[in-house]
Amino acid sequence: MTIEARQPPPQFAFRLKRALGGRAGWTGFALQILFVAALVWIGYEIVATRAPTCRRSGSHPVSGF
């Protein structure tokens, strides 16, 4: 009767740390997430304020005129 070894459980944090590499580590990863979130927020604000202006003036949103 032999006992077969099981695969170790997945270690997400270890894989992520290895994928991040470099000296930045978790801090750099967190800063990148914040930067992307800021870009998404700025994009949303631009679209949210531009849409009513385009509807009022009847201009085409892509052309900018």
PDB file of N, CA and C in Angstrom:
ATOM      1  N   MET A   1       0.851  -1.182   0.000  1.00  0.00           N
ATOM      2  CA  MET A   1       0.000   0.000   0.000  1.00  0.00           C
ATOM      3  C   MET A   1       0.898   1.247   0.000  1.00  0.00           C
ATOM      4  N   THR A   2       0.837   1.995  -1.088  1.00  0.00           N
ATOM      5  CA  THR A   2       1.656   3.202  -1.184  1.00  0.00           C
ATOM      6  C   THR A   2       0.753   4.425  -1.134  1.00  0.00           C
ATOM      7  N   ILE A   3       1.292   5.453  -0.595  1.00  0.00           N
ATOM      8  CA  ILE A   3       0.562   6.712  -0.495  1.00  0.00           C
ATOM      9  C   ILE A   3       1.146   7.657  -1.538  1.00  0.00           C
ATOM     10  N   GLU A   4       0.287   8.164  -2.395  1.00  0.00           N
ATOM     11  CA  GLU A   4       0.740   9.089  -3.426  1.00  0.00           C
ATOM     12  C   GLU A   4       0.736  10.512  -2.889  1.00  0.00           C
ATOM     13  N   ALA A   5       1.757  11.246  -3.237  1.00  0.00           N
ATOM     14  CA  ALA A   5       1.863  12.631  -2.789  1.00  0.00           C
ATOM     15  C   ALA A   5       0.853  13.500  -3.540  1.00  0.00           C
ATOM     16  N   ARG A   6       0.266  14.402  -2.825  1.00  0.00           N
ATOM     17  CA  ARG A   6      -0.676  15.353  -3.429  1.00  0.00           C
ATOM     18  C   ARG A   6       0.079  16.582  -3.923  1.00  0.00           C
ATOM     19  N   GLN A   7      -0.549  17.258  -4.851  1.00  0.00           N
ATOM     20  CA  GLN A   7      -0.005  18.531  -5.300  1.00  0.00           C
ATOM     21  C   GLN A   7      -0.155  19.547  -4.167  1.00  0.00           C
ATOM     22  N   PRO A   8       0.820  20.436  -3.975  1.00  0.00           N
ATOM     23  CA  PRO A   8       0.664  21.465  -2.942  1.00  0.00           C
ATOM     24  C   PRO A   8      -0.454  22.426  -3.333  1.00  0.00           C
ATOM     25  N   PRO A   9      -1.084  23.050  -2.346  1.00  0.00           N
ATOM     26  CA  PRO A   9      -2.150  24.010  -2.665  1.00  0.00           C
ATOM     27  C   PRO A   9      -1.589  25.199  -3.440  1.00  0.00           C
ATOM     28  N   PRO A  10      -2.419  25.808  -4.279  1.00  0.00           N
ATOM     29  CA  PRO A  10      -1.922  26.964  -5.045  1.00  0.00           C
ATOM     30  C   PRO A  10      -1.549  28.116  -4.110  1.00  0.00           C
ATOM     31  N   GLN A  11      -0.445  28.738  -4.402  1.00  0.00           N
ATOM     32  CA  GLN A  11       0.029  29.853  -3.584  1.00  0.00           C
ATOM     33  C   GLN A  11       0.024  31.110  -4.443  1.00  0.00           C
ATOM     34  N   PHE A  12      -1.118  31.764  -4.446  1.00  0.00           N
ATOM     35  CA  PHE A  12      -1.319  32.930  -5.294  1.00  0.00           C
ATOM     36  C   PHE A  12      -0.330  34.046  -4.958  1.00  0.00           C
ATOM     37  N   ALA A  13      -0.143  34.315  -3.676  1.00  0.00           N
ATOM     38  CA  ALA A  13       0.732  35.423  -3.276  1.00  0.00           C
ATOM     39  C   ALA A  13       2.168  35.169  -3.728  1.00  0.00           C
ATOM     40  N   PHE A  14       2.636  33.924  -3.634  1.00  0.00           N
ATOM     41  CA  PHE A  14       4.004  33.608  -4.047  1.00  0.00           C
ATOM     42  C   PHE A  14       4.162  33.791  -5.548  1.00  0.00           C
ATOM     43  N   ARG A  15       3.183  33.328  -6.322  1.00  0.00           N
ATOM     44  CA  ARG A  15       3.255  33.479  -7.779  1.00  0.00           C
ATOM     45  C   ARG A  15       3.221  34.945  -8.180  1.00  0.00           C
ATOM     46  N   LEU A  16       2.370  35.722  -7.507  1.00  0.00           N
ATOM     47  CA  LEU A  16       2.270  37.143  -7.827  1.00  0.00           C
ATOM     48  C   LEU A  16       3.576  37.859  -7.498  1.00  0.00           C
ATOM     49  N   LYS A  17       4.159  37.534  -6.362  1.00  0.00           N
ATOM     50  CA  LYS A  17       5.417  38.170  -5.975  1.00  0.00           C
ATOM     51  C   LYS A  17       6.526  37.822  -6.961  1.00  0.00           C
ATOM     52  N   ARG A  18       6.566  36.587  -7.425  1.00  0.00           N
ATOM     53  CA  ARG A  18       7.570  36.184  -8.395  1.00  0.00           C
ATOM     54  C   ARG A  18       7.331  36.888  -9.735  1.00  0.00           C
ATOM     55  N   ALA A  19       6.048  37.049 -10.106  1.00  0.00           N
ATOM     56  CA  ALA A  19       5.723  37.715 -11.365  1.00  0.00           C
ATOM     57  C   ALA A  19       6.062  39.208 -11.306  1.00  0.00           C
ATOM     58  N   LEU A  20       5.872  39.831 -10.132  1.00  0.00           N
ATOM     59  CA  LEU A  20       6.170  41.253  -9.999  1.00  0.00           C
ATOM     60  C   LEU A  20       7.659  41.503 -10.115  1.00  0.00           C
ATOM     61  N   GLY A  21       8.436  40.695  -9.434  1.00  0.00           N
ATOM     62  CA  GLY A  21       9.891  40.799  -9.510  1.00  0.00           C
ATOM     63  C   GLY A  21      10.406  42.166  -9.110  1.00  0.00           C
ATOM     64  N   GLY A  22      11.666  42.356  -9.268  1.00  0.00           N
ATOM     65  CA  GLY A  22      12.277  43.649  -8.977  1.00  0.00           C
ATOM     66  C   GLY A  22      12.212  44.034  -7.519  1.00  0.00           C
ATOM     67  N   ARG A  23      12.633  45.258  -7.239  1.00  0.00           N
ATOM     68  CA  ARG A  23      12.639  45.733  -5.858  1.00  0.00           C
ATOM     69  C   ARG A  23      11.345  46.421  -5.469  1.00  0.00           C
ATOM     70  N   ALA A  24      10.516  46.790  -6.451  1.00  0.00           N
ATOM     71  CA  ALA A  24       9.280  47.516  -6.137  1.00  0.00           C
ATOM     72  C   ALA A  24       8.307  46.637  -5.371  1.00  0.00           C
ATOM     73  N   GLY A  25       8.148  45.387  -5.796  1.00  0.00           N
ATOM     74  CA  GLY A  25       7.298  44.436  -5.077  1.00  0.00           C
ATOM     75  C   GLY A  25       5.864  44.909  -4.946  1.00  0.00           C
ATOM     76  N   TRP A  26       5.326  44.718  -3.759  1.00  0.00           N
ATOM     77  CA  TRP A  26       3.916  45.025  -3.505  1.00  0.00           C
ATOM     78  C   TRP A  26       3.633  46.518  -3.574  1.00  0.00           C
ATOM     79  N   THR A  27       4.573  47.342  -3.148  1.00  0.00           N
ATOM     80  CA  THR A  27       4.358  48.787  -3.177  1.00  0.00           C
ATOM     81  C   THR A  27       4.210  49.281  -4.605  1.00  0.00           C
ATOM     82  N   GLY A  28       5.075  48.804  -5.483  1.00  0.00           N
ATOM     83  CA  GLY A  28       4.977  49.190  -6.884  1.00  0.00           C
ATOM     84  C   GLY A  28       3.685  48.715  -7.520  1.00  0.00           C
ATOM     85  N   PHE A  29       3.269  47.510  -7.155  1.00  0.00           N
ATOM     86  CA  PHE A  29       2.022  46.962  -7.673  1.00  0.00           C
ATOM     87  C   PHE A  29       0.838  47.805  -7.206  1.00  0.00           C
ATOM     88  N   ALA A  30       0.826  48.185  -5.935  1.00  0.00           N
ATOM     89  CA  ALA A  30      -0.257  49.011  -5.399  1.00  0.00           C
ATOM     90  C   ALA A  30      -0.278  50.382  -6.073  1.00  0.00           C
ATOM     91  N   LEU A  31       0.889  50.955  -6.333  1.00  0.00           N
ATOM     92  CA  LEU A  31       0.940  52.251  -7.001  1.00  0.00           C
ATOM     93  C   LEU A  31       0.426  52.158  -8.435  1.00  0.00           C
ATOM     94  N   GLN A  32       0.721  51.057  -9.105  1.00  0.00           N
ATOM     95  CA  GLN A  32       0.205  50.873 -10.459  1.00  0.00           C
ATOM     96  C   GLN A  32      -1.312  50.759 -10.461  1.00  0.00           C
ATOM     97  N   ILE A  33      -1.864  50.045  -9.485  1.00  0.00           N
ATOM     98  CA  ILE A  33      -3.322  49.925  -9.379  1.00  0.00           C
ATOM     99  C   ILE A  33      -3.949  51.292  -9.127  1.00  0.00           C
ATOM    100  N   LEU A  34      -3.346  52.084  -8.245  1.00  0.00           N
ATOM    101  CA  LEU A  34      -3.868  53.431  -7.977  1.00  0.00           C
ATOM    102  C   LEU A  34      -3.772  54.319  -9.217  1.00  0.00           C
ATOM    103  N   PHE A  35      -2.697  54.204  -9.962  1.00  0.00           N
ATOM    104  CA  PHE A  35      -2.526  54.999 -11.168  1.00  0.00           C
ATOM    105  C   PHE A  35      -3.590  54.651 -12.203  1.00  0.00           C
ATOM    106  N   VAL A  36      -3.834  53.364 -12.405  1.00  0.00           N
ATOM    107  CA  VAL A  36      -4.858  52.943 -13.363  1.00  0.00           C
ATOM    108  C   VAL A  36      -6.234  53.396 -12.900  1.00  0.00           C
ATOM    109  N   ALA A  37      -6.502  53.299 -11.595  1.00  0.00           N
ATOM    110  CA  ALA A  37      -7.786  53.758 -11.076  1.00  0.00           C
ATOM    111  C   ALA A  37      -7.968  55.258 -11.307  1.00  0.00           C
ATOM    112  N   ALA A  38      -6.905  56.032 -11.131  1.00  0.00           N
ATOM    113  CA  ALA A  38      -6.976  57.474 -11.370  1.00  0.00           C
ATOM    114  C   ALA A  38      -7.240  57.774 -12.845  1.00  0.00           C
ATOM    115  N   LEU A  39      -6.596  57.026 -13.744  1.00  0.00           N
ATOM    116  CA  LEU A  39      -6.835  57.230 -15.176  1.00  0.00           C
ATOM    117  C   LEU A  39      -8.277  56.896 -15.559  1.00  0.00           C
ATOM    118  N   VAL A  40      -8.799  55.822 -14.992  1.00  0.00           N
ATOM    119  CA  VAL A  40     -10.195  55.444 -15.272  1.00  0.00           C
ATOM    120  C   VAL A  40     -11.137  56.517 -14.764  1.00  0.00           C
ATOM    121  N   TRP A  41     -10.865  57.045 -13.570  1.00  0.00           N
ATOM    122  CA  TRP A  41     -11.723  58.087 -12.995  1.00  0.00           C
ATOM    123  C   TRP A  41     -11.682  59.359 -13.848  1.00  0.00           C
ATOM    124  N   ILE A  42     -10.499  59.754 -14.288  1.00  0.00           N
ATOM    125  CA  ILE A  42     -10.381  60.941 -15.137  1.00  0.00           C
ATOM    126  C   ILE A  42     -11.133  60.736 -16.453  1.00  0.00           C
ATOM    127  N   GLY A  43     -10.988  59.556 -17.044  1.00  0.00           N
ATOM    128  CA  GLY A  43     -11.714  59.248 -18.277  1.00  0.00           C
ATOM    129  C   GLY A  43     -13.216  59.302 -18.083  1.00  0.00           C
ATOM    130  N   TYR A  44     -13.683  58.765 -16.960  1.00  0.00           N
ATOM    131  CA  TYR A  44     -15.109  58.811 -16.666  1.00  0.00           C
ATOM    132  C   TYR A  44     -15.592  60.252 -16.523  1.00  0.00           C
ATOM    133  N   GLU A  45     -14.845  61.062 -15.823  1.00  0.00           N
ATOM    134  CA  GLU A  45     -15.238  62.463 -15.623  1.00  0.00           C
ATOM    135  C   GLU A  45     -15.294  63.208 -16.954  1.00  0.00           C
ATOM    136  N   ILE A  46     -14.358  62.939 -17.842  1.00  0.00           N
ATOM    137  CA  ILE A  46     -14.361  63.599 -19.146  1.00  0.00           C
ATOM    138  C   ILE A  46     -15.603  63.206 -19.932  1.00  0.00           C
ATOM    139  N   VAL A  47     -15.902  61.910 -19.960  1.00  0.00           N
ATOM    140  CA  VAL A  47     -17.074  61.445 -20.702  1.00  0.00           C
ATOM    141  C   VAL A  47     -18.360  61.935 -20.066  1.00  0.00           C
ATOM    142  N   ALA A  48     -18.433  61.921 -18.740  1.00  0.00           N
ATOM    143  CA  ALA A  48     -19.654  62.328 -18.041  1.00  0.00           C
ATOM    144  C   ALA A  48     -19.957  63.813 -18.239  1.00  0.00           C
ATOM    145  N   THR A  49     -18.930  64.645 -18.322  1.00  0.00           N
ATOM    146  CA  THR A  49     -19.184  66.076 -18.510  1.00  0.00           C
ATOM    147  C   THR A  49     -19.331  66.439 -19.982  1.00  0.00           C
ATOM    148  N   ARG A  50     -18.777  65.629 -20.866  1.00  0.00           N
ATOM    149  CA  ARG A  50     -18.846  65.928 -22.302  1.00  0.00           C
ATOM    150  C   ARG A  50     -20.196  65.539 -22.900  1.00  0.00           C
ATOM    151  N   ALA A  51     -20.794  64.445 -22.422  1.00  0.00           N
ATOM    152  CA  ALA A  51     -22.036  63.946 -23.010  1.00  0.00           C
ATOM    153  C   ALA A  51     -23.185  64.956 -22.940  1.00  0.00           C
ATOM    154  N   PRO A  52     -23.482  65.574 -21.798  1.00  0.00           N
ATOM    155  CA  PRO A  52     -24.582  66.555 -21.790  1.00  0.00           C
ATOM    156  C   PRO A  52     -24.304  67.769 -22.674  1.00  0.00           C
ATOM    157  N   THR A  53     -23.033  68.173 -22.754  1.00  0.00           N
ATOM    158  CA  THR A  53     -22.683  69.308 -23.598  1.00  0.00           C
ATOM    159  C   THR A  53     -22.953  68.988 -25.067  1.00  0.00           C
ATOM    160  N   CYS A  54     -22.614  67.781 -25.470  1.00  0.00           N
ATOM    161  CA  CYS A  54     -22.840  67.370 -26.865  1.00  0.00           C
ATOM    162  C   CYS A  54     -24.331  67.290 -27.172  1.00  0.00           C
ATOM    163  N   ARG A  55     -25.107  66.800 -26.224  1.00  0.00           N
ATOM    164  CA  ARG A  55     -26.546  66.682 -26.454  1.00  0.00           C
ATOM    165  C   ARG A  55     -27.198  68.061 -26.584  1.00  0.00           C
ATOM    166  N   ARG A  56     -26.734  69.005 -25.771  1.00  0.00           N
ATOM    167  CA  ARG A  56     -27.308  70.353 -25.821  1.00  0.00           C
ATOM    168  C   ARG A  56     -26.962  71.071 -27.109  1.00  0.00           C
ATOM    169  N   SER A  57     -25.705  70.957 -27.522  1.00  0.00           N
ATOM    170  CA  SER A  57     -25.269  71.718 -28.688  1.00  0.00           C
ATOM    171  C   SER A  57     -25.527  70.987 -30.000  1.00  0.00           C
ATOM    172  N   GLY A  58     -25.801  69.691 -29.931  1.00  0.00           N
ATOM    173  CA  GLY A  58     -26.064  68.930 -31.148  1.00  0.00           C
ATOM    174  C   GLY A  58     -24.822  68.583 -31.920  1.00  0.00           C
ATOM    175  N   SER A  59     -23.651  68.719 -31.299  1.00  0.00           N
ATOM    176  CA  SER A  59     -22.414  68.410 -32.007  1.00  0.00           C
ATOM    177  C   SER A  59     -22.118  66.919 -31.907  1.00  0.00           C
ATOM    178  N   HIS A  60     -21.286  66.469 -32.801  1.00  0.00           N
ATOM    179  CA  HIS A  60     -20.898  65.073 -32.827  1.00  0.00           C
ATOM    180  C   HIS A  60     -19.797  64.854 -31.782  1.00  0.00           C
ATOM    181  N   PRO A  61     -19.936  63.853 -30.891  1.00  0.00           N
ATOM    182  CA  PRO A  61     -18.962  63.700 -29.803  1.00  0.00           C
ATOM    183  C   PRO A  61     -17.567  63.325 -30.272  1.00  0.00           C
ATOM    184  N   VAL A  62     -17.419  62.708 -31.429  1.00  0.00           N
ATOM    185  CA  VAL A  62     -16.100  62.279 -31.885  1.00  0.00           C
ATOM    186  C   VAL A  62     -15.337  63.437 -32.546  1.00  0.00           C
ATOM    187  N   SER A  63     -16.045  64.249 -33.290  1.00  0.00           N
ATOM    188  CA  SER A  63     -15.362  65.319 -34.029  1.00  0.00           C
ATOM    189  C   SER A  63     -14.859  66.430 -33.124  1.00  0.00           C
ATOM    190  N   GLY A  64     -15.546  66.673 -32.017  1.00  0.00           N
ATOM    191  CA  GLY A  64     -15.132  67.727 -31.102  1.00  0.00           C
ATOM    192  C   GLY A  64     -15.595  69.110 -31.508  1.00  0.00           C
ATOM    193  N   PHE A  65     -16.431  69.208 -32.554  1.00  0.00           N
ATOM    194  CA  PHE A  65     -16.917  70.517 -32.989  1.00  0.00           C
ATOM    195  C   PHE A  65     -18.407  70.608 -32.773  1.00  0.00           C
TER     196      PHE A  65
END
